[in-house]
C-alpha atoms as a PDB file:
ATOM      1  CA  MET A   1     -22.709  45.858  54.172  1.00  0.00           C
ATOM      2  CA  LEU A   2     -23.642  48.560  51.650  1.00  0.00           C
ATOM      3  CA  ASP A   3     -24.953  47.625  48.213  1.00  0.00           C
ATOM      4  CA  ARG A   4     -22.318  47.873  45.711  1.00  0.00           C
ATOM      5  CA  ILE A   5     -24.612  48.942  43.016  1.00  0.00           C
ATOM      6  CA  THR A   6     -26.003  51.790  45.129  1.00  0.00           C
ATOM      7  CA  SER A   7     -22.515  52.769  46.164  1.00  0.00           C
ATOM      8  CA  MET A   8     -21.574  52.845  42.307  1.00  0.00           C
ATOM      9  CA  GLN A   9     -24.652  54.908  41.678  1.00  0.00           C
ATOM     10  CA  VAL A  10     -23.652  57.515  44.347  1.00  0.00           C
ATOM     11  CA  PHE A  11     -19.880  57.467  43.244  1.00  0.00           C
ATOM     12  CA  VAL A  12     -21.131  58.506  39.694  1.00  0.00           C
ATOM     13  CA  LYS A  13     -23.575  61.138  40.995  1.00  0.00           C
ATOM     14  CA  VAL A  14     -20.592  62.600  43.049  1.00  0.00           C
ATOM     15  CA  VAL A  15     -18.519  63.045  39.920  1.00  0.00           C
ATOM     16  CA  ALA A  16     -21.412  64.495  38.078  1.00  0.00           C
ATOM     17  CA  THR A  17     -22.098  66.992  40.794  1.00  0.00           C
ATOM     18  CA  GLY A  18     -18.827  67.905  42.020  1.00  0.00           C
ATOM     19  CA  ASN A  19     -19.359  67.437  45.724  1.00  0.00           C
ATOM     20  CA  PHE A  20     -20.864  65.197  48.364  1.00  0.00           C
ATOM     21  CA  THR A  21     -23.459  67.498  49.454  1.00  0.00           C
ATOM     22  CA  ALA A  22     -24.942  67.884  45.911  1.00  0.00           C
ATOM     23  CA  ALA A  23     -24.876  64.390  45.234  1.00  0.00           C
ATOM     24  CA  GLY A  24     -26.775  63.513  48.263  1.00  0.00           C
ATOM     25  CA  ARG A  25     -29.340  66.080  47.551  1.00  0.00           C
ATOM     26  CA  ALA A  26     -30.015  64.601  44.146  1.00  0.00           C
ATOM     27  CA  LEU A  27     -30.254  60.927  45.570  1.00  0.00           C
ATOM     28  CA  SER A  28     -32.164  61.879  48.752  1.00  0.00           C
ATOM     29  CA  LEU A  29     -29.127  60.886  50.982  1.00  0.00           C
ATOM     30  CA  SER A  30     -27.448  62.651  53.768  1.00  0.00           C
ATOM     31  CA  GLN A  31     -23.922  63.773  53.190  1.00  0.00           C
ATOM     32  CA  THR A  32     -22.963  61.503  55.999  1.00  0.00           C
ATOM     33  CA  MET A  33     -24.264  58.410  54.005  1.00  0.00           C
ATOM     34  CA  VAL A  34     -22.686  59.524  50.535  1.00  0.00           C
ATOM     35  CA  THR A  35     -19.432  59.631  52.525  1.00  0.00           C
ATOM     36  CA  LYS A  36     -19.990  56.207  53.784  1.00  0.00           C
ATOM     37  CA  HIS A  37     -20.740  54.844  50.149  1.00  0.00           C
ATOM     38  CA  ILE A  38     -17.617  56.290  48.826  1.00  0.00           C
ATOM     39  CA  THR A  39     -15.367  55.227  51.818  1.00  0.00           C
ATOM     40  CA  ALA A  40     -16.873  51.612  51.484  1.00  0.00           C
ATOM     41  CA  LEU A  41     -15.793  51.466  47.913  1.00  0.00           C
ATOM     42  CA  GLU A  42     -12.344  52.609  48.563  1.00  0.00           C
ATOM     43  CA  ARG A  43     -11.807  50.289  51.439  1.00  0.00           C
ATOM     44  CA  GLN A  44     -13.288  47.288  49.088  1.00  0.00           C
ATOM     45  CA  MET A  45     -10.743  47.933  46.409  1.00  0.00           C
ATOM     46  CA  GLY A  46      -7.776  49.489  48.508  1.00  0.00           C
ATOM     47  CA  VAL A  47      -7.374  52.557  46.171  1.00  0.00           C
ATOM     48  CA  THR A  48      -8.389  56.253  46.620  1.00  0.00           C
ATOM     49  CA  LEU A  49     -10.921  57.394  44.179  1.00  0.00           C
ATOM     50  CA  PHE A  50     -10.903  61.359  45.009  1.00  0.00           C
ATOM     51  CA  HIS A  51      -8.229  64.018  45.564  1.00  0.00           C
ATOM     52  CA  ARG A  52      -9.976  66.070  48.366  1.00  0.00           C
ATOM     53  CA  SER A  53      -9.442  69.369  48.939  1.00  0.00           C
ATOM     54  CA  THR A  54     -11.261  72.424  50.565  1.00  0.00           C
ATOM     55  CA  ARG A  55     -12.331  73.715  47.313  1.00  0.00           C
ATOM     56  CA  LYS A  56     -13.093  70.653  44.962  1.00  0.00           C
ATOM     57  CA  LEU A  57     -12.847  66.998  44.512  1.00  0.00           C
ATOM     58  CA  SER A  58     -10.964  65.571  41.523  1.00  0.00           C
ATOM     59  CA  LEU A  59     -10.853  61.960  40.451  1.00  0.00           C
ATOM     60  CA  THR A  60      -7.528  59.980  41.009  1.00  0.00           C
ATOM     61  CA  GLU A  61      -6.330  57.584  38.139  1.00  0.00           C
ATOM     62  CA  ALA A  62      -7.989  54.800  39.792  1.00  0.00           C
ATOM     63  CA  GLY A  63     -11.077  56.835  40.152  1.00  0.00           C
ATOM     64  CA  ARG A  64     -11.228  57.563  36.362  1.00  0.00           C
ATOM     65  CA  LEU A  65     -10.880  53.766  35.758  1.00  0.00           C
ATOM     66  CA  PHE A  66     -13.837  52.921  38.146  1.00  0.00           C
ATOM     67  CA  LEU A  67     -15.910  55.675  36.651  1.00  0.00           C
ATOM     68  CA  GLU A  68     -15.748  54.224  33.181  1.00  0.00           C
ATOM     69  CA  GLY A  69     -16.541  50.623  34.551  1.00  0.00           C
ATOM     70  CA  CYS A  70     -19.285  52.153  36.735  1.00  0.00           C
ATOM     71  CA  GLN A  71     -20.938  53.891  33.721  1.00  0.00           C
ATOM     72  CA  LYS A  72     -20.737  50.662  31.705  1.00  0.00           C
ATOM     73  CA  ILE A  73     -22.219  48.516  34.620  1.00  0.00           C
ATOM     74  CA  LEU A  74     -25.073  50.931  35.270  1.00  0.00           C
ATOM     75  CA  ALA A  75     -25.964  51.344  31.879  1.00  0.00           C
ATOM     76  CA  ASP A  76     -26.058  47.444  31.087  1.00  0.00           C
ATOM     77  CA  LEU A  77     -28.299  47.183  34.070  1.00  0.00           C
ATOM     78  CA  ASP A  78     -30.627  49.879  33.018  1.00  0.00           C
ATOM     79  CA  GLU A  79     -30.894  47.922  29.683  1.00  0.00           C
ATOM     80  CA  VAL A  80     -31.623  44.768  31.394  1.00  0.00           C
ATOM     81  CA  GLU A  81     -34.282  46.427  33.367  1.00  0.00           C
ATOM     82  CA  ARG A  82     -35.790  48.059  30.474  1.00  0.00           C
ATOM     83  CA  THR A  83     -36.017  44.678  28.646  1.00  0.00           C
ATOM     84  CA  VAL A  84     -37.428  42.620  31.490  1.00  0.00           C
ATOM     85  CA  THR A  85     -39.978  45.365  32.157  1.00  0.00           C
ATOM     86  CA  ALA A  86     -40.834  45.488  28.507  1.00  0.00           C
ATOM     87  CA  GLN A  87     -41.610  41.710  28.637  1.00  0.00           C
ATOM     88  CA  ARG A  88     -44.077  42.194  31.462  1.00  0.00           C
ATOM     89  CA  ARG A  89     -46.097  44.607  29.028  1.00  0.00           C
ATOM     90  CA  GLU A  90     -45.954  42.514  25.612  1.00  0.00           C
ATOM     91  CA  PRO A  91     -44.774  38.911  25.004  1.00  0.00           C
ATOM     92  CA  GLN A  92     -41.466  38.704  23.390  1.00  0.00           C
ATOM     93  CA  GLY A  93     -38.414  36.469  23.357  1.00  0.00           C
ATOM     94  CA  ARG A  94     -37.630  32.945  22.455  1.00  0.00           C
ATOM     95  CA  LEU A  95     -40.399  30.598  23.483  1.00  0.00           C
ATOM     96  CA  ARG A  96     -39.190  26.946  23.565  1.00  0.00           C
ATOM     97  CA  LEU A  97     -42.233  24.778  22.768  1.00  0.00           C
ATOM     98  CA  ASN A  98     -42.218  20.840  22.965  1.00  0.00           C
ATOM     99  CA  ALA A  99     -45.011  18.850  21.691  1.00  0.00           C
ATOM    100  CA  PRO A 100     -45.794  15.107  20.455  1.00  0.00           C
ATOM    101  CA  VAL A 101     -44.785  14.655  16.973  1.00  0.00           C
ATOM    102  CA  SER A 102     -48.016  13.787  15.240  1.00  0.00           C
ATOM    103  CA  LEU A 103     -49.940  16.619  17.158  1.00  0.00           C
ATOM    104  CA  ALA A 104     -47.214  19.121  16.446  1.00  0.00           C
ATOM    105  CA  ILE A 105     -47.263  18.280  12.690  1.00  0.00           C
ATOM    106  CA  ARG A 106     -50.973  18.560  12.263  1.00  0.00           C
ATOM    107  CA  TYR A 107     -52.374  20.735  15.029  1.00  0.00           C
ATOM    108  CA  VAL A 108     -49.630  22.900  16.596  1.00  0.00           C
ATOM    109  CA  ALA A 109     -47.145  24.082  13.516  1.00  0.00           C
ATOM    110  CA  PRO A 110     -50.120  25.097  11.403  1.00  0.00           C
ATOM    111  CA  LEU A 111     -51.333  27.450  14.030  1.00  0.00           C
ATOM    112  CA  LEU A 112     -47.914  29.230  14.611  1.00  0.00           C
ATOM    113  CA  PRO A 113     -48.173  31.715  11.733  1.00  0.00           C
ATOM    114  CA  GLU A 114     -51.271  33.374  13.224  1.00  0.00           C
ATOM    115  CA  PHE A 115     -49.536  33.436  16.700  1.00  0.00           C
ATOM    116  CA  ASN A 116     -46.553  35.134  15.188  1.00  0.00           C
ATOM    117  CA  ARG A 117     -48.692  37.672  13.357  1.00  0.00           C
ATOM    118  CA  ARG A 118     -50.228  38.537  16.919  1.00  0.00           C
ATOM    119  CA  HIS A 119     -46.906  38.476  18.766  1.00  0.00           C
ATOM    120  CA  PRO A 120     -44.354  39.529  16.273  1.00  0.00           C
ATOM    121  CA  LEU A 121     -41.671  39.783  19.169  1.00  0.00           C
ATOM    122  CA  VAL A 122     -41.863  36.215  20.080  1.00  0.00           C
ATOM    123  CA  THR A 123     -39.779  33.558  18.133  1.00  0.00           C
ATOM    124  CA  VAL A 124     -40.925  30.140  18.834  1.00  0.00           C
ATOM    125  CA  GLU A 125     -38.726  27.209  18.651  1.00  0.00           C
ATOM    126  CA  LEU A 126     -40.845  23.885  18.293  1.00  0.00           C
ATOM    127  CA  GLY A 127     -39.430  20.641  19.492  1.00  0.00           C
ATOM    128  CA  LEU A 128     -41.212  17.456  18.376  1.00  0.00           C
ATOM    129  CA  ASN A 129     -40.806  14.200  20.107  1.00  0.00           C
ATOM    130  CA  ASP A 130     -43.087  11.626  22.021  1.00  0.00           C
ATOM    131  CA  ARG A 131     -40.866  10.695  24.771  1.00  0.00           C
ATOM    132  CA  ALA A 132     -41.042  11.898  28.268  1.00  0.00           C
ATOM    133  CA  VAL A 133     -39.578  15.418  28.655  1.00  0.00           C
ATOM    134  CA  ASP A 134     -37.978  16.891  31.540  1.00  0.00           C
ATOM    135  CA  LEU A 135     -39.113  20.610  31.132  1.00  0.00           C
ATOM    136  CA  ILE A 136     -36.783  22.155  33.679  1.00  0.00           C
ATOM    137  CA  GLU A 137     -33.614  20.093  32.969  1.00  0.00           C
ATOM    138  CA  GLU A 138     -34.027  20.461  29.130  1.00  0.00           C
ATOM    139  CA  GLY A 139     -34.912  24.143  29.347  1.00  0.00           C
ATOM    140  CA  TRP A 140     -38.338  24.096  27.746  1.00  0.00           C
ATOM    141  CA  ASP A 141     -40.606  27.011  28.558  1.00  0.00           C
ATOM    142  CA  LEU A 142     -43.761  24.944  27.654  1.00  0.00           C
ATOM    143  CA  THR A 143     -44.626  21.403  26.949  1.00  0.00           C
ATOM    144  CA  LEU A 144     -47.752  19.700  25.448  1.00  0.00           C
ATOM    145  CA  ARG A 145     -48.264  16.292  26.843  1.00  0.00           C
ATOM    146  CA  ILE A 146     -51.289  13.824  26.678  1.00  0.00           C
ATOM    147  CA  LYS A 147     -51.093  12.257  30.157  1.00  0.00           C
ATOM    148  CA  HIS A 148     -52.844  12.350  33.623  1.00  0.00           C
ATOM    149  CA  MET A 149     -51.077  14.960  35.584  1.00  0.00           C
ATOM    150  CA  ALA A 150     -49.821  13.535  39.021  1.00  0.00           C
ATOM    151  CA  PRO A 151     -49.080  16.273  41.734  1.00  0.00           C
ATOM    152  CA  SER A 152     -45.752  18.046  41.085  1.00  0.00           C
ATOM    153  CA  SER A 153     -44.195  21.327  41.342  1.00  0.00           C
ATOM    154  CA  LEU A 154     -44.860  21.908  37.615  1.00  0.00           C
ATOM    155  CA  ARG A 155     -47.959  23.907  36.861  1.00  0.00           C
ATOM    156  CA  THR A 156     -50.512  22.584  34.035  1.00  0.00           C
ATOM    157  CA  ARG A 157     -53.525  23.511  32.138  1.00  0.00           C
ATOM    158  CA  LYS A 158     -55.961  21.305  30.304  1.00  0.00           C
ATOM    159  CA  LEU A 159     -56.238  22.249  26.673  1.00  0.00           C
ATOM    160  CA  ALA A 160     -58.426  19.547  25.171  1.00  0.00           C
ATOM    161  CA  PRO A 161     -59.875  15.998  25.391  1.00  0.00           C
ATOM    162  CA  ILE A 162     -58.066  13.251  23.540  1.00  0.00           C
ATOM    163  CA  ARG A 163     -60.064  10.311  22.201  1.00  0.00           C
ATOM    164  CA  CYS A 164     -58.721   7.258  20.386  1.00  0.00           C
ATOM    165  CA  VAL A 165     -60.174   5.013  17.564  1.00  0.00           C
ATOM    166  CA  VAL A 166     -59.539   1.858  16.096  1.00  0.00           C
ATOM    167  CA  CYS A 167     -59.477   2.001  12.336  1.00  0.00           C
ATOM    168  CA  ALA A 168     -58.240   0.524   9.136  1.00  0.00           C
ATOM    169  CA  SER A 169     -58.486   1.145   5.326  1.00  0.00           C
ATOM    170  CA  PRO A 170     -61.688   0.153   3.395  1.00  0.00           C
ATOM    171  CA  ALA A 171     -59.442  -2.027   1.286  1.00  0.00           C
ATOM    172  CA  TYR A 172     -58.326  -3.982   4.410  1.00  0.00           C
ATOM    173  CA  LEU A 173     -61.854  -4.316   5.708  1.00  0.00           C
ATOM    174  CA  ALA A 174     -63.193  -5.411   2.525  1.00  0.00           C
ATOM    175  CA  GLN A 175     -60.567  -8.321   2.346  1.00  0.00           C
ATOM    176  CA  ALA A 176     -60.184  -9.327   6.044  1.00  0.00           C
ATOM    177  CA  GLY A 177     -63.529  -8.453   7.424  1.00  0.00           C
ATOM    178  CA  THR A 178     -64.600  -5.851  10.074  1.00  0.00           C
ATOM    179  CA  PRO A 179     -64.144  -7.056  13.501  1.00  0.00           C
ATOM    180  CA  GLN A 180     -67.212  -6.583  16.018  1.00  0.00           C
ATOM    181  CA  ARG A 181     -65.824  -8.052  19.155  1.00  0.00           C
ATOM    182  CA  ILE A 182     -62.397  -7.593  20.648  1.00  0.00           C
ATOM    183  CA  GLU A 183     -61.702 -11.158  20.855  1.00  0.00           C
ATOM    184  CA  GLU A 184     -61.710 -11.132  17.036  1.00  0.00           C
ATOM    185  CA  LEU A 185     -58.795  -8.642  16.896  1.00  0.00           C
ATOM    186  CA  SER A 186     -56.450 -11.755  17.354  1.00  0.00           C
ATOM    187  CA  GLN A 187     -57.403 -12.966  14.080  1.00  0.00           C
ATOM    188  CA  HIS A 188     -56.466  -9.728  12.304  1.00  0.00           C
ATOM    189  CA  LYS A 189     -53.148  -7.681  11.465  1.00  0.00           C
ATOM    190  CA  CYS A 190     -52.888  -5.289  14.307  1.00  0.00           C
ATOM    191  CA  LEU A 191     -50.111  -2.475  13.973  1.00  0.00           C
ATOM    192  CA  GLY A 192     -48.935  -1.831  17.502  1.00  0.00           C
ATOM    193  CA  TYR A 193     -47.306   1.349  19.006  1.00  0.00           C
ATOM    194  CA  THR A 194     -44.422   0.791  20.869  1.00  0.00           C
ATOM    195  CA  LEU A 195     -43.544   3.990  22.796  1.00  0.00           C
ATOM    196  CA  GLY A 196     -46.201   3.799  25.575  1.00  0.00           C
ATOM    197  CA  ASP A 197     -45.445   0.259  26.435  1.00  0.00           C
ATOM    198  CA  PRO A 198     -41.982  -1.057  24.803  1.00  0.00           C
ATOM    199  CA  GLY A 199     -42.056  -4.182  26.672  1.00  0.00           C
ATOM    200  CA  ASN A 200     -45.605  -5.348  25.515  1.00  0.00           C
ATOM    201  CA  PRO A 201     -46.367  -3.604  22.442  1.00  0.00           C
ATOM    202  CA  SER A 202     -48.815  -6.164  21.007  1.00  0.00           C
ATOM    203  CA  ARG A 203     -51.577  -5.730  23.737  1.00  0.00           C
ATOM    204  CA  TRP A 204     -54.571  -3.308  23.098  1.00  0.00           C
ATOM    205  CA  ASN A 205     -56.622  -2.567  26.116  1.00  0.00           C
ATOM    206  CA  PHE A 206     -60.328  -1.637  26.056  1.00  0.00           C
ATOM    207  CA  GLY A 207     -62.752  -0.438  28.682  1.00  0.00           C
ATOM    208  CA  ALA A 208     -62.901   2.874  30.418  1.00  0.00           C
ATOM    209  CA  LYS A 209     -59.896   2.123  32.643  1.00  0.00           C
ATOM    210  CA  GLY A 210     -58.287  -0.529  30.319  1.00  0.00           C
ATOM    211  CA  GLU A 211     -59.612  -3.364  32.163  1.00  0.00           C
ATOM    212  CA  HIS A 212     -60.172  -5.543  29.271  1.00  0.00           C
ATOM    213  CA  GLY A 213     -56.931  -6.421  27.287  1.00  0.00           C
ATOM    214  CA  VAL A 214     -56.244  -8.253  24.165  1.00  0.00           C
ATOM    215  CA  SER A 215     -53.190  -9.799  22.527  1.00  0.00           C
ATOM    216  CA  VAL A 216     -52.753  -8.546  18.869  1.00  0.00           C
ATOM    217  CA  SER A 217     -50.033  -9.090  16.229  1.00  0.00           C
ATOM    218  CA  GLY A 218     -49.161  -7.587  12.883  1.00  0.00           C
ATOM    219  CA  PRO A 219     -46.523  -7.091  10.334  1.00  0.00           C
ATOM    220  CA  LEU A 220     -45.477  -3.875  11.795  1.00  0.00           C
ATOM    221  CA  CYS A 221     -44.952  -1.863  15.089  1.00  0.00           C
ATOM    222  CA  ALA A 222     -43.463   1.515  15.685  1.00  0.00           C
ATOM    223  CA  ASN A 223     -42.959   4.042  18.124  1.00  0.00           C
ATOM    224  CA  ASN A 224     -44.457   6.954  15.907  1.00  0.00           C
ATOM    225  CA  GLY A 225     -48.365   7.135  15.019  1.00  0.00           C
ATOM    226  CA  ASP A 226     -47.627   8.656  11.751  1.00  0.00           C
ATOM    227  CA  ALA A 227     -45.648   5.674  10.558  1.00  0.00           C
ATOM    228  CA  LEU A 228     -48.524   3.248  11.609  1.00  0.00           C
ATOM    229  CA  ARG A 229     -51.273   5.698  10.187  1.00  0.00           C
ATOM    230  CA  GLU A 230     -49.399   5.557   6.720  1.00  0.00           C
ATOM    231  CA  ALA A 231     -49.203   1.827   6.979  1.00  0.00           C
ATOM    232  CA  ALA A 232     -52.879   1.535   7.717  1.00  0.00           C
ATOM    233  CA  VAL A 233     -53.793   3.676   4.865  1.00  0.00           C
ATOM    234  CA  ALA A 234     -51.796   1.178   2.548  1.00  0.00           C
ATOM    235  CA  GLY A 235     -53.961  -1.616   3.869  1.00  0.00           C
ATOM    236  CA  GLU A 236     -51.437  -3.204   6.229  1.00  0.00           C
ATOM    237  CA  GLY A 237     -53.884  -3.751   9.071  1.00  0.00           C
ATOM    238  CA  LEU A 238     -55.848  -2.149  12.173  1.00  0.00           C
ATOM    239  CA  ILE A 239     -54.417   0.857  14.322  1.00  0.00           C
ATOM    240  CA  TYR A 240     -55.608   2.094  17.504  1.00  0.00           C
ATOM    241  CA  LEU A 241     -54.331   5.632  17.899  1.00  0.00           C
ATOM    242  CA  PRO A 242     -55.716   9.022  19.174  1.00  0.00           C
ATOM    243  CA  VAL A 243     -58.084  10.690  16.621  1.00  0.00           C
ATOM    244  CA  PHE A 244     -55.796  13.508  15.900  1.00  0.00           C
ATOM    245  CA  VAL A 245     -53.354  11.289  14.358  1.00  0.00           C
ATOM    246  CA  VAL A 246     -55.876   9.917  11.724  1.00  0.00           C
ATOM    247  CA  SER A 247     -58.546  12.816  11.597  1.00  0.00           C
ATOM    248  CA  ASN A 248     -57.790  13.834   7.995  1.00  0.00           C
ATOM    249  CA  GLU A 249     -57.654  10.286   6.733  1.00  0.00           C
ATOM    250  CA  LEU A 250     -61.022   9.476   8.391  1.00  0.00           C
ATOM    251  CA  ARG A 251     -62.637  12.646   6.746  1.00  0.00           C
ATOM    252  CA  SER A 252     -61.313  11.655   3.376  1.00  0.00           C
ATOM    253  CA  GLY A 253     -62.363   7.977   3.728  1.00  0.00           C
ATOM    254  CA  GLN A 254     -58.961   6.568   3.491  1.00  0.00           C
ATOM    255  CA  LEU A 255     -59.414   5.151   6.846  1.00  0.00           C
ATOM    256  CA  GLN A 256     -62.666   3.789   8.384  1.00  0.00           C
ATOM    257  CA  ALA A 257     -63.467   3.729  12.193  1.00  0.00           C
ATOM    258  CA  ILE A 258     -65.071   0.570  13.556  1.00  0.00           C
ATOM    259  CA  THR A 259     -67.114  -0.091  16.623  1.00  0.00           C
ATOM    260  CA  LEU A 260     -66.276  -2.987  18.898  1.00  0.00           C
ATOM    261  CA  ASP A 261     -68.363  -4.478  21.697  1.00  0.00           C
ATOM    262  CA  GLU A 262     -66.170  -2.938  24.343  1.00  0.00           C
ATOM    263  CA  PRO A 263     -65.489   0.800  24.792  1.00  0.00           C
ATOM    264  CA  LEU A 264     -62.269   1.997  24.012  1.00  0.00           C
ATOM    265  CA  MET A 265     -59.784   3.114  26.819  1.00  0.00           C
ATOM    266  CA  GLU A 266     -59.958   6.654  28.031  1.00  0.00           C
ATOM    267  CA  ALA A 267     -57.263   8.516  26.927  1.00  0.00           C
ATOM    268  CA  PRO A 268     -55.520  11.162  29.144  1.00  0.00           C
ATOM    269  CA  PRO A 269     -56.375  14.720  28.150  1.00  0.00           C
ATOM    270  CA  LEU A 270     -53.925  17.145  26.516  1.00  0.00           C
ATOM    271  CA  HIS A 271     -52.150  19.238  28.989  1.00  0.00           C
ATOM    272  CA  ALA A 272     -49.877  22.291  28.679  1.00  0.00           C
ATOM    273  CA  VAL A 273     -47.101  21.795  31.258  1.00  0.00           C
ATOM    274  CA  TYR A 274     -45.011  24.688  32.461  1.00  0.00           C
ATOM    275  CA  ALA A 275     -42.421  25.870  35.077  1.00  0.00           C
ATOM    276  CA  PRO A 276     -43.884  27.226  38.433  1.00  0.00           C
ATOM    277  CA  GLY A 277     -43.041  30.619  39.606  1.00  0.00           C
ATOM    278  CA  GLN A 278     -45.034  33.609  41.244  1.00  0.00           C
ATOM    279  CA  THR A 279     -45.569  35.020  37.623  1.00  0.00           C
ATOM    280  CA  THR A 280     -45.884  33.212  34.299  1.00  0.00           C
ATOM    281  CA  PRO A 281     -43.836  34.821  31.571  1.00  0.00           C
ATOM    282  CA  LEU A 282     -46.057  36.665  29.025  1.00  0.00           C
ATOM    283  CA  LYS A 283     -44.867  34.722  26.141  1.00  0.00           C
ATOM    284  CA  VAL A 284     -45.934  31.397  27.816  1.00  0.00           C
ATOM    285  CA  ARG A 285     -49.336  32.776  28.955  1.00  0.00           C
ATOM    286  CA  ALA A 286     -49.887  34.150  25.533  1.00  0.00           C
ATOM    287  CA  MET A 287     -49.280  30.533  23.842  1.00  0.00           C
ATOM    288  CA  ILE A 288     -51.526  28.904  26.216  1.00  0.00           C
ATOM    289  CA  ASP A 289     -54.224  31.170  25.948  1.00  0.00           C
ATOM    290  CA  TYR A 290     -53.915  30.927  22.107  1.00  0.00           C
ATOM    291  CA  LEU A 291     -53.932  27.051  22.064  1.00  0.00           C
ATOM    292  CA  VAL A 292     -57.083  27.106  24.252  1.00  0.00           C
ATOM    293  CA  GLU A 293     -58.709  29.557  21.908  1.00  0.00           C
ATOM    294  CA  CYS A 294     -57.633  27.384  18.755  1.00  0.00           C
ATOM    295  CA  TYR A 295     -58.655  24.044  20.342  1.00  0.00           C
ATOM    296  CA  GLY A 296     -61.864  25.493  21.802  1.00  0.00           C
ATOM    297  CA  PRO A 297     -64.683  23.155  23.256  1.00  0.00           C
ATOM    298  CA  VAL A 298     -64.579  20.752  20.326  1.00  0.00           C
ATOM    299  CA  PRO A 299     -61.001  20.526  19.220  1.00  0.00           C
ATOM    300  CA  PRO A 300     -60.369  20.717  15.268  1.00  0.00           C
ATOM    301  CA  TRP A 301     -59.394  16.806  15.153  1.00  0.00           C
ATOM    302  CA  GLU A 302     -62.851  15.982  16.260  1.00  0.00           C
ATOM    303  CA  GLN A 303     -64.615  18.210  13.816  1.00  0.00           C
ATOM    304  CA  ASP A 304     -66.665  17.050  10.672  1.00  0.00           C
ATOM    305  CA  LEU A 305     -65.677  13.379  11.406  1.00  0.00           C
ATOM    306  CA  PRO A 306     -67.897  10.888   9.476  1.00  0.00           C
END
């Protein structure tokens, strides 16, 4: 079966040149092949496109209608090809980026103005949530996730290490004392993060692999680190969160990190996660490269800590 787009192109060229021979010469096709394309179109639609005579060709009524449609379709196709080709040369289009809430607010959103200055043809749609995201099903171009990446069809790139910290306000520590052993945490107000383990939000794990667990309790648990941080700043108790959630407060002295007798559990790295494919869209590649540049060997949330 002949390609219909090619047949349309042949038809339009026949109209433009006035005969099959000239159209074939312009398209590097034999007159026989040009005839086959026109005949195939007429058979598919059940119409005659040309009045044929020994002296010239002229369009039938059906031919004139078909010519208008072909010109529009071919013009639209050319426009699509130009748009797609342009995206191979310069990042452009809408980039749907999803990131954890606390990270996005402090260490993604503030970076976007400079990204937009570098890539003015890209429009970033930033989604914020801490739940698991189905990148393909939900239509995200790129997601940032703090997790150990199991083998999958998705592509990933490590962006930065993540470290956790146990901390509280100086006022709380002055009033309740500073714990030095993980067993002492059961005697303190500990504000639990529920999203990672909703069934048991009151267990804090220590040791590189989380082999040492301790039961904790407190007046508040939440599925968002920002809410827990604000409660800790207000003196409500201890929190155990990634450094990027509390870095500003550690620098300002509103929160104070404590050292315990067991190492903190190793947190998974921050990864960029994106769809598989032979070629990664330039807008996705540009954002990943930009984040790698911004986070660097020492991410900004780890810099200048007390």
